[in-house]
Amino acid sequence: MKTFARIWHYSQTPLNILLHTLLGGTLIPLVWSILPHQRSS
């Protein structure tokens, strides 16, 4: 199983997008989530 994850920015909001997984030759979409912005201390 192989997964592809990307983080893109829309304005100031980071979008964490887990695009799909390849399972037995079939691409299966998994998750699209908007993560809250975390600040460094």
PDB file of N, CA and C in Angstrom:
ATOM      1  N   MET A   1       0.846  -1.173   0.000  1.00  0.00           N
ATOM      2  CA  MET A   1       0.000   0.000   0.000  1.00  0.00           C
ATOM      3  C   MET A   1       0.890   1.234   0.000  1.00  0.00           C
ATOM      4  N   LYS A   2       0.568   2.221  -0.826  1.00  0.00           N
ATOM      5  CA  LYS A   2       1.342   3.445  -0.915  1.00  0.00           C
ATOM      6  C   LYS A   2       0.393   4.627  -0.824  1.00  0.00           C
ATOM      7  N   THR A   3       0.766   5.625  -0.023  1.00  0.00           N
ATOM      8  CA  THR A   3      -0.077   6.806   0.121  1.00  0.00           C
ATOM      9  C   THR A   3       0.683   8.038  -0.323  1.00  0.00           C
ATOM     10  N   PHE A   4      -0.061   9.047  -0.759  1.00  0.00           N
ATOM     11  CA  PHE A   4       0.504  10.318  -1.176  1.00  0.00           C
ATOM     12  C   PHE A   4      -0.165  11.417  -0.367  1.00  0.00           C
ATOM     13  N   ALA A   5       0.619  12.209   0.324  1.00  0.00           N
ATOM     14  CA  ALA A   5       0.066  13.308   1.115  1.00  0.00           C
ATOM     15  C   ALA A   5       0.685  14.614   0.649  1.00  0.00           C
ATOM     16  N   ARG A   6      -0.091  15.658   0.629  1.00  0.00           N
ATOM     17  CA  ARG A   6       0.369  16.979   0.226  1.00  0.00           C
ATOM     18  C   ARG A   6      -0.171  18.005   1.209  1.00  0.00           C
ATOM     19  N   ILE A   7       0.598  19.059   1.406  1.00  0.00           N
ATOM     20  CA  ILE A   7       0.115  20.193   2.189  1.00  0.00           C
ATOM     21  C   ILE A   7       0.171  21.413   1.286  1.00  0.00           C
ATOM     22  N   TRP A   8      -0.988  21.983   0.995  1.00  0.00           N
ATOM     23  CA  TRP A   8      -1.088  23.205   0.217  1.00  0.00           C
ATOM     24  C   TRP A   8      -1.622  24.291   1.117  1.00  0.00           C
ATOM     25  N   HIS A   9      -1.411  25.538   0.709  1.00  0.00           N
ATOM     26  CA  HIS A   9      -1.909  26.668   1.488  1.00  0.00           C
ATOM     27  C   HIS A   9      -2.957  27.411   0.672  1.00  0.00           C
ATOM     28  N   TYR A  10      -4.103  27.635   1.282  1.00  0.00           N
ATOM     29  CA  TYR A  10      -5.167  28.444   0.702  1.00  0.00           C
ATOM     30  C   TYR A  10      -5.268  29.674   1.571  1.00  0.00           C
ATOM     31  N   SER A  11      -4.825  30.804   1.059  1.00  0.00           N
ATOM     32  CA  SER A  11      -4.699  32.029   1.849  1.00  0.00           C
ATOM     33  C   SER A  11      -3.720  31.735   2.984  1.00  0.00           C
ATOM     34  N   GLN A  12      -4.133  31.808   4.229  1.00  0.00           N
ATOM     35  CA  GLN A  12      -3.264  31.503   5.365  1.00  0.00           C
ATOM     36  C   GLN A  12      -3.614  30.156   5.986  1.00  0.00           C
ATOM     37  N   THR A  13      -4.489  29.384   5.351  1.00  0.00           N
ATOM     38  CA  THR A  13      -4.956  28.115   5.908  1.00  0.00           C
ATOM     39  C   THR A  13      -4.232  26.947   5.258  1.00  0.00           C
ATOM     40  N   PRO A  14      -3.507  26.145   6.050  1.00  0.00           N
ATOM     41  CA  PRO A  14      -2.870  24.960   5.467  1.00  0.00           C
ATOM     42  C   PRO A  14      -3.905  23.859   5.214  1.00  0.00           C
ATOM     43  N   LEU A  15      -3.855  23.278   4.033  1.00  0.00           N
ATOM     44  CA  LEU A  15      -4.748  22.169   3.694  1.00  0.00           C
ATOM     45  C   LEU A  15      -3.910  20.904   3.642  1.00  0.00           C
ATOM     46  N   ASN A  16      -4.255  19.944   4.462  1.00  0.00           N
ATOM     47  CA  ASN A  16      -3.558  18.660   4.451  1.00  0.00           C
ATOM     48  C   ASN A  16      -4.428  17.690   3.665  1.00  0.00           C
ATOM     49  N   ILE A  17      -3.940  17.263   2.520  1.00  0.00           N
ATOM     50  CA  ILE A  17      -4.749  16.436   1.630  1.00  0.00           C
ATOM     51  C   ILE A  17      -4.052  15.093   1.428  1.00  0.00           C
ATOM     52  N   LEU A  18      -4.657  14.052   1.931  1.00  0.00           N
ATOM     53  CA  LEU A  18      -4.191  12.698   1.661  1.00  0.00           C
ATOM     54  C   LEU A  18      -4.977  12.243   0.439  1.00  0.00           C
ATOM     55  N   LEU A  19      -4.321  12.225  -0.704  1.00  0.00           N
ATOM     56  CA  LEU A  19      -5.021  12.098  -1.972  1.00  0.00           C
ATOM     57  C   LEU A  19      -5.641  10.724  -2.202  1.00  0.00           C
ATOM     58  N   HIS A  20      -4.845   9.691  -2.140  1.00  0.00           N
ATOM     59  CA  HIS A  20      -5.376   8.362  -2.426  1.00  0.00           C
ATOM     60  C   HIS A  20      -4.374   7.305  -2.000  1.00  0.00           C
ATOM     61  N   THR A  21      -4.809   6.106  -1.997  1.00  0.00           N
ATOM     62  CA  THR A  21      -3.914   4.976  -1.742  1.00  0.00           C
ATOM     63  C   THR A  21      -4.041   3.995  -2.900  1.00  0.00           C
ATOM     64  N   LEU A  22      -2.958   3.345  -3.205  1.00  0.00           N
ATOM     65  CA  LEU A  22      -2.959   2.342  -4.260  1.00  0.00           C
ATOM     66  C   LEU A  22      -3.012   0.976  -3.598  1.00  0.00           C
ATOM     67  N   LEU A  23      -4.123   0.289  -3.795  1.00  0.00           N
ATOM     68  CA  LEU A  23      -4.335  -1.001  -3.152  1.00  0.00           C
ATOM     69  C   LEU A  23      -4.769  -2.004  -4.219  1.00  0.00           C
ATOM     70  N   GLY A  24      -3.913  -2.925  -4.532  1.00  0.00           N
ATOM     71  CA  GLY A  24      -4.243  -3.939  -5.532  1.00  0.00           C
ATOM     72  C   GLY A  24      -4.483  -3.354  -6.915  1.00  0.00           C
ATOM     73  N   GLY A  25      -3.787  -2.275  -7.269  1.00  0.00           N
ATOM     74  CA  GLY A  25      -3.947  -1.659  -8.579  1.00  0.00           C
ATOM     75  C   GLY A  25      -5.128  -0.715  -8.682  1.00  0.00           C
ATOM     76  N   THR A  26      -5.825  -0.462  -7.584  1.00  0.00           N
ATOM     77  CA  THR A  26      -6.978   0.436  -7.579  1.00  0.00           C
ATOM     78  C   THR A  26      -6.675   1.645  -6.707  1.00  0.00           C
ATOM     79  N   LEU A  27      -6.913   2.846  -7.240  1.00  0.00           N
ATOM     80  CA  LEU A  27      -6.722   4.060  -6.455  1.00  0.00           C
ATOM     81  C   LEU A  27      -7.982   4.343  -5.652  1.00  0.00           C
ATOM     82  N   ILE A  28      -7.820   4.487  -4.343  1.00  0.00           N
ATOM     83  CA  ILE A  28      -8.954   4.714  -3.452  1.00  0.00           C
ATOM     84  C   ILE A  28      -8.750   6.048  -2.739  1.00  0.00           C
ATOM     85  N   PRO A  29      -9.650   7.048  -2.944  1.00  0.00           N
ATOM     86  CA  PRO A  29      -9.526   8.317  -2.219  1.00  0.00           C
ATOM     87  C   PRO A  29      -9.766   8.110  -0.733  1.00  0.00           C
ATOM     88  N   LEU A  30      -8.968   8.792   0.100  1.00  0.00           N
ATOM     89  CA  LEU A  30      -9.065   8.567   1.531  1.00  0.00           C
ATOM     90  C   LEU A  30      -9.594   9.779   2.294  1.00  0.00           C
ATOM     91  N   VAL A  31      -8.812  10.842   2.387  1.00  0.00           N
ATOM     92  CA  VAL A  31      -9.147  11.928   3.310  1.00  0.00           C
ATOM     93  C   VAL A  31      -8.835  13.280   2.682  1.00  0.00           C
ATOM     94  N   TRP A  32      -9.677  14.243   2.963  1.00  0.00           N
ATOM     95  CA  TRP A  32      -9.401  15.641   2.658  1.00  0.00           C
ATOM     96  C   TRP A  32      -9.758  16.389   3.916  1.00  0.00           C
ATOM     97  N   SER A  33      -8.790  17.001   4.569  1.00  0.00           N
ATOM     98  CA  SER A  33      -9.082  17.694   5.820  1.00  0.00           C
ATOM     99  C   SER A  33      -8.385  19.036   5.872  1.00  0.00           C
ATOM    100  N   ILE A  34      -9.027  20.000   6.517  1.00  0.00           N
ATOM    101  CA  ILE A  34      -8.452  21.313   6.753  1.00  0.00           C
ATOM    102  C   ILE A  34      -7.987  21.339   8.195  1.00  0.00           C
ATOM    103  N   LEU A  35      -6.678  21.543   8.377  1.00  0.00           N
ATOM    104  CA  LEU A  35      -6.105  21.520   9.711  1.00  0.00           C
ATOM    105  C   LEU A  35      -6.052  22.925  10.296  1.00  0.00           C
ATOM    106  N   PRO A  36      -6.264  23.061  11.609  1.00  0.00           N
ATOM    107  CA  PRO A  36      -6.114  24.366  12.240  1.00  0.00           C
ATOM    108  C   PRO A  36      -4.652  24.799  12.192  1.00  0.00           C
ATOM    109  N   HIS A  37      -4.431  26.108  12.093  1.00  0.00           N
ATOM    110  CA  HIS A  37      -3.070  26.639  12.029  1.00  0.00           C
ATOM    111  C   HIS A  37      -2.412  26.534  13.394  1.00  0.00           C
ATOM    112  N   GLN A  38      -1.215  25.957  13.442  1.00  0.00           N
ATOM    113  CA  GLN A  38      -0.475  25.843  14.697  1.00  0.00           C
ATOM    114  C   GLN A  38       0.709  26.791  14.646  1.00  0.00           C
ATOM    115  N   ARG A  39       0.865  27.579  15.690  1.00  0.00           N
ATOM    116  CA  ARG A  39       1.960  28.543  15.733  1.00  0.00           C
ATOM    117  C   ARG A  39       3.153  27.946  16.466  1.00  0.00           C
ATOM    118  N   SER A  40       4.335  28.371  16.055  1.00  0.00           N
ATOM    119  CA  SER A  40       5.561  27.956  16.739  1.00  0.00           C
ATOM    120  C   SER A  40       5.747  28.795  17.987  1.00  0.00           C
ATOM    121  N   SER A  41       6.357  28.195  18.996  1.00  0.00           N
ATOM    122  CA  SER A  41       6.612  28.970  20.208  1.00  0.00           C
ATOM    123  C   SER A  41       8.041  29.462  20.237  1.00  0.00           C
TER     124      SER A  41
END
